[in-house]
Amino acid sequence: MTEREQLLNRVRMYDFALVDVSLYLDGHPHNASALAYYQKNRKLLNEAKAAYEARFGPLSRKNSTDETEWTWINDPWPWEGADN
């Protein structure tokens, strides 16, 4: 597995964890351990996204920060596979 694939898998893993715990919190909004789990995984997701984007570029249009070129359209896009 390439570095790109590893970093993208980390982003996907933490994103999935956040979706899952968010659904739980919808029904159990006062569960302190679930809320702590959410906060921990939100931090890890932000770190994983930052690591991916620093090495391979933005994961979404809103994260495209290049002021001289619209780099969002550069291939491969994250969902097209890591090494296309």
N, C-alpha and C. Protein backbone atom coordinates (compact mmCIF):
# COMPACT_ATOMS: atom_id res chain seq x y z
N MET A 1 0.85 -1.18 0.00
CA MET A 1 0.00 0.00 0.00
C MET A 1 0.90 1.24 0.00
N THR A 2 0.57 2.17 -0.86
CA THR A 2 1.37 3.38 -0.97
C THR A 2 1.09 4.33 0.20
N GLU A 3 1.95 5.32 0.35
CA GLU A 3 1.75 6.32 1.39
C GLU A 3 0.42 7.06 1.18
N ARG A 4 0.12 7.35 -0.06
CA ARG A 4 -1.13 8.05 -0.38
C ARG A 4 -2.34 7.23 0.06
N GLU A 5 -2.32 5.95 -0.24
CA GLU A 5 -3.42 5.06 0.15
C GLU A 5 -3.53 4.97 1.68
N GLN A 6 -2.39 4.87 2.35
CA GLN A 6 -2.40 4.79 3.82
C GLN A 6 -3.00 6.04 4.44
N LEU A 7 -2.59 7.21 3.95
CA LEU A 7 -3.12 8.46 4.49
C LEU A 7 -4.61 8.61 4.20
N LEU A 8 -5.02 8.25 3.00
CA LEU A 8 -6.44 8.36 2.65
C LEU A 8 -7.27 7.38 3.47
N ASN A 9 -6.74 6.20 3.73
CA ASN A 9 -7.46 5.24 4.57
C ASN A 9 -7.61 5.75 6.00
N ARG A 10 -6.61 6.45 6.51
CA ARG A 10 -6.73 7.05 7.84
C ARG A 10 -7.85 8.08 7.85
N VAL A 11 -7.91 8.92 6.82
CA VAL A 11 -8.98 9.92 6.73
C VAL A 11 -10.34 9.22 6.72
N ARG A 12 -10.46 8.19 5.90
CA ARG A 12 -11.73 7.46 5.82
C ARG A 12 -12.11 6.80 7.14
N MET A 13 -11.13 6.22 7.83
CA MET A 13 -11.37 5.54 9.09
C MET A 13 -11.92 6.50 10.14
N TYR A 14 -11.25 7.64 10.30
CA TYR A 14 -11.70 8.61 11.31
C TYR A 14 -13.02 9.25 10.92
N ASP A 15 -13.23 9.47 9.63
CA ASP A 15 -14.50 10.02 9.18
C ASP A 15 -15.64 9.05 9.48
N PHE A 16 -15.42 7.77 9.22
CA PHE A 16 -16.43 6.75 9.52
C PHE A 16 -16.73 6.71 11.02
N ALA A 17 -15.68 6.77 11.84
CA ALA A 17 -15.87 6.76 13.30
C ALA A 17 -16.73 7.94 13.74
N LEU A 18 -16.51 9.10 13.13
CA LEU A 18 -17.30 10.29 13.49
C LEU A 18 -18.76 10.14 13.08
N VAL A 19 -19.00 9.60 11.91
CA VAL A 19 -20.38 9.39 11.47
C VAL A 19 -21.07 8.42 12.43
N ASP A 20 -20.39 7.33 12.76
CA ASP A 20 -20.96 6.31 13.62
C ASP A 20 -21.28 6.87 15.02
N VAL A 21 -20.33 7.53 15.63
CA VAL A 21 -20.57 8.06 16.97
C VAL A 21 -21.58 9.22 16.94
N SER A 22 -21.64 9.96 15.85
CA SER A 22 -22.64 11.03 15.73
C SER A 22 -24.05 10.46 15.77
N LEU A 23 -24.24 9.34 15.09
CA LEU A 23 -25.56 8.70 15.10
C LEU A 23 -25.92 8.23 16.51
N TYR A 24 -24.94 7.70 17.22
CA TYR A 24 -25.18 7.29 18.60
C TYR A 24 -25.52 8.49 19.47
N LEU A 25 -24.76 9.57 19.31
CA LEU A 25 -24.99 10.76 20.12
C LEU A 25 -26.35 11.40 19.85
N ASP A 26 -26.88 11.22 18.64
CA ASP A 26 -28.22 11.73 18.35
C ASP A 26 -29.25 11.15 19.32
N GLY A 27 -29.05 9.91 19.71
CA GLY A 27 -29.99 9.26 20.64
C GLY A 27 -29.55 9.30 22.09
N HIS A 28 -28.28 9.62 22.32
CA HIS A 28 -27.71 9.63 23.67
C HIS A 28 -26.85 10.89 23.85
N PRO A 29 -27.46 12.06 23.79
CA PRO A 29 -26.68 13.31 23.75
C PRO A 29 -25.91 13.63 25.03
N HIS A 30 -26.20 12.94 26.12
CA HIS A 30 -25.52 13.24 27.38
C HIS A 30 -24.47 12.20 27.74
N ASN A 31 -24.14 11.31 26.82
CA ASN A 31 -23.16 10.26 27.09
C ASN A 31 -21.76 10.86 27.01
N ALA A 32 -21.13 11.05 28.15
CA ALA A 32 -19.83 11.72 28.22
C ALA A 32 -18.73 10.94 27.51
N SER A 33 -18.74 9.63 27.63
CA SER A 33 -17.68 8.85 26.97
C SER A 33 -17.83 8.89 25.45
N ALA A 34 -19.05 8.87 24.96
CA ALA A 34 -19.27 8.97 23.51
C ALA A 34 -18.86 10.34 23.00
N LEU A 35 -19.15 11.37 23.78
CA LEU A 35 -18.76 12.72 23.38
C LEU A 35 -17.24 12.87 23.37
N ALA A 36 -16.57 12.27 24.35
CA ALA A 36 -15.10 12.30 24.39
C ALA A 36 -14.52 11.54 23.20
N TYR A 37 -15.15 10.41 22.85
CA TYR A 37 -14.73 9.63 21.68
C TYR A 37 -14.89 10.47 20.41
N TYR A 38 -16.00 11.19 20.31
CA TYR A 38 -16.24 12.07 19.17
C TYR A 38 -15.14 13.12 19.07
N GLN A 39 -14.86 13.79 20.18
CA GLN A 39 -13.84 14.85 20.19
C GLN A 39 -12.47 14.30 19.80
N LYS A 40 -12.12 13.15 20.34
CA LYS A 40 -10.83 12.53 20.03
C LYS A 40 -10.72 12.21 18.54
N ASN A 41 -11.77 11.61 17.99
CA ASN A 41 -11.73 11.24 16.57
C ASN A 41 -11.83 12.44 15.65
N ARG A 42 -12.49 13.50 16.09
CA ARG A 42 -12.53 14.73 15.29
C ARG A 42 -11.12 15.31 15.17
N LYS A 43 -10.39 15.30 16.28
CA LYS A 43 -9.00 15.79 16.28
C LYS A 43 -8.13 14.91 15.37
N LEU A 44 -8.29 13.60 15.49
CA LEU A 44 -7.50 12.68 14.66
C LEU A 44 -7.86 12.83 13.18
N LEU A 45 -9.13 13.06 12.87
CA LEU A 45 -9.54 13.28 11.48
C LEU A 45 -8.90 14.55 10.93
N ASN A 46 -8.93 15.61 11.70
CA ASN A 46 -8.31 16.87 11.24
C ASN A 46 -6.82 16.69 11.00
N GLU A 47 -6.15 15.94 11.87
CA GLU A 47 -4.72 15.67 11.70
C GLU A 47 -4.47 14.81 10.46
N ALA A 48 -5.31 13.80 10.25
CA ALA A 48 -5.16 12.93 9.08
C ALA A 48 -5.38 13.71 7.79
N LYS A 49 -6.39 14.56 7.78
CA LYS A 49 -6.65 15.40 6.59
C LYS A 49 -5.48 16.32 6.32
N ALA A 50 -4.96 16.94 7.37
CA ALA A 50 -3.83 17.86 7.20
C ALA A 50 -2.60 17.12 6.66
N ALA A 51 -2.36 15.91 7.15
CA ALA A 51 -1.21 15.13 6.68
C ALA A 51 -1.39 14.77 5.20
N TYR A 52 -2.60 14.34 4.83
CA TYR A 52 -2.86 13.99 3.43
C TYR A 52 -2.70 15.22 2.53
N GLU A 53 -3.32 16.32 2.92
CA GLU A 53 -3.32 17.51 2.08
C GLU A 53 -1.94 18.15 1.97
N ALA A 54 -1.13 18.03 3.00
CA ALA A 54 0.23 18.56 2.93
C ALA A 54 1.06 17.81 1.91
N ARG A 55 0.78 16.54 1.76
CA ARG A 55 1.56 15.69 0.86
C ARG A 55 0.95 15.58 -0.54
N PHE A 56 -0.39 15.51 -0.61
CA PHE A 56 -1.03 15.18 -1.89
C PHE A 56 -2.07 16.18 -2.39
N GLY A 57 -2.29 17.26 -1.67
CA GLY A 57 -3.23 18.26 -2.13
C GLY A 57 -4.58 18.15 -1.47
N PRO A 58 -5.48 19.05 -1.81
CA PRO A 58 -6.77 19.16 -1.12
C PRO A 58 -7.68 17.96 -1.33
N LEU A 59 -8.42 17.62 -0.28
CA LEU A 59 -9.41 16.55 -0.34
C LEU A 59 -10.76 17.05 -0.84
N SER A 60 -10.98 18.36 -0.76
CA SER A 60 -12.22 18.95 -1.27
C SER A 60 -11.93 20.36 -1.78
N ARG A 61 -12.86 20.89 -2.55
CA ARG A 61 -12.68 22.23 -3.13
C ARG A 61 -12.43 23.28 -2.06
N LYS A 62 -13.15 23.18 -0.95
CA LYS A 62 -13.03 24.22 0.07
C LYS A 62 -11.66 24.24 0.73
N ASN A 63 -10.88 23.18 0.54
CA ASN A 63 -9.54 23.12 1.11
C ASN A 63 -8.46 23.51 0.12
N SER A 64 -8.84 23.91 -1.07
CA SER A 64 -7.88 24.35 -2.08
C SER A 64 -7.42 25.76 -1.72
N THR A 65 -6.15 25.90 -1.37
CA THR A 65 -5.66 27.18 -0.87
C THR A 65 -4.68 27.88 -1.80
N ASP A 66 -4.34 27.28 -2.92
CA ASP A 66 -3.40 27.91 -3.85
C ASP A 66 -4.05 29.15 -4.45
N GLU A 67 -3.42 30.28 -4.28
CA GLU A 67 -3.99 31.54 -4.76
C GLU A 67 -3.61 31.87 -6.19
N THR A 68 -2.72 31.07 -6.79
CA THR A 68 -2.29 31.35 -8.16
C THR A 68 -2.86 30.37 -9.18
N GLU A 69 -3.39 29.25 -8.71
CA GLU A 69 -3.91 28.23 -9.63
C GLU A 69 -5.02 27.45 -8.94
N TRP A 70 -6.02 27.02 -9.68
CA TRP A 70 -7.11 26.21 -9.16
C TRP A 70 -6.65 24.76 -9.16
N THR A 71 -5.95 24.34 -8.10
CA THR A 71 -5.32 23.02 -8.03
C THR A 71 -6.31 21.89 -7.76
N TRP A 72 -7.54 22.24 -7.42
CA TRP A 72 -8.53 21.20 -7.14
C TRP A 72 -8.71 20.24 -8.31
N ILE A 73 -8.52 20.71 -9.52
CA ILE A 73 -8.77 19.86 -10.69
C ILE A 73 -7.61 18.96 -11.06
N ASN A 74 -6.48 19.09 -10.37
CA ASN A 74 -5.33 18.25 -10.68
C ASN A 74 -5.61 16.79 -10.33
N ASP A 75 -5.19 15.89 -11.24
CA ASP A 75 -5.41 14.45 -11.03
C ASP A 75 -4.30 13.87 -10.18
N PRO A 76 -4.54 12.70 -9.56
CA PRO A 76 -5.84 12.06 -9.41
C PRO A 76 -6.62 12.66 -8.26
N TRP A 77 -7.92 12.64 -8.37
CA TRP A 77 -8.76 13.10 -7.28
C TRP A 77 -8.84 12.00 -6.24
N PRO A 78 -9.08 12.33 -5.01
CA PRO A 78 -9.03 11.32 -3.94
C PRO A 78 -9.88 10.08 -4.19
N TRP A 79 -11.04 10.24 -4.77
CA TRP A 79 -11.93 9.09 -4.98
C TRP A 79 -11.59 8.30 -6.23
N GLU A 80 -10.64 8.76 -7.04
CA GLU A 80 -10.29 8.06 -8.27
C GLU A 80 -9.25 6.95 -8.04
N GLY A 81 -8.80 6.79 -6.85
CA GLY A 81 -7.77 5.80 -6.56
C GLY A 81 -6.47 6.50 -6.33
N ALA A 82 -5.69 5.95 -5.47
CA ALA A 82 -4.48 6.63 -5.02
C ALA A 82 -3.42 6.78 -6.07
N ASP A 83 -3.29 5.84 -6.96
CA ASP A 83 -2.17 5.91 -7.91
C ASP A 83 -2.59 5.87 -9.37
N ASN A 84 -3.71 6.48 -9.69
CA ASN A 84 -4.16 6.53 -11.10
C ASN A 84 -3.30 7.47 -11.89
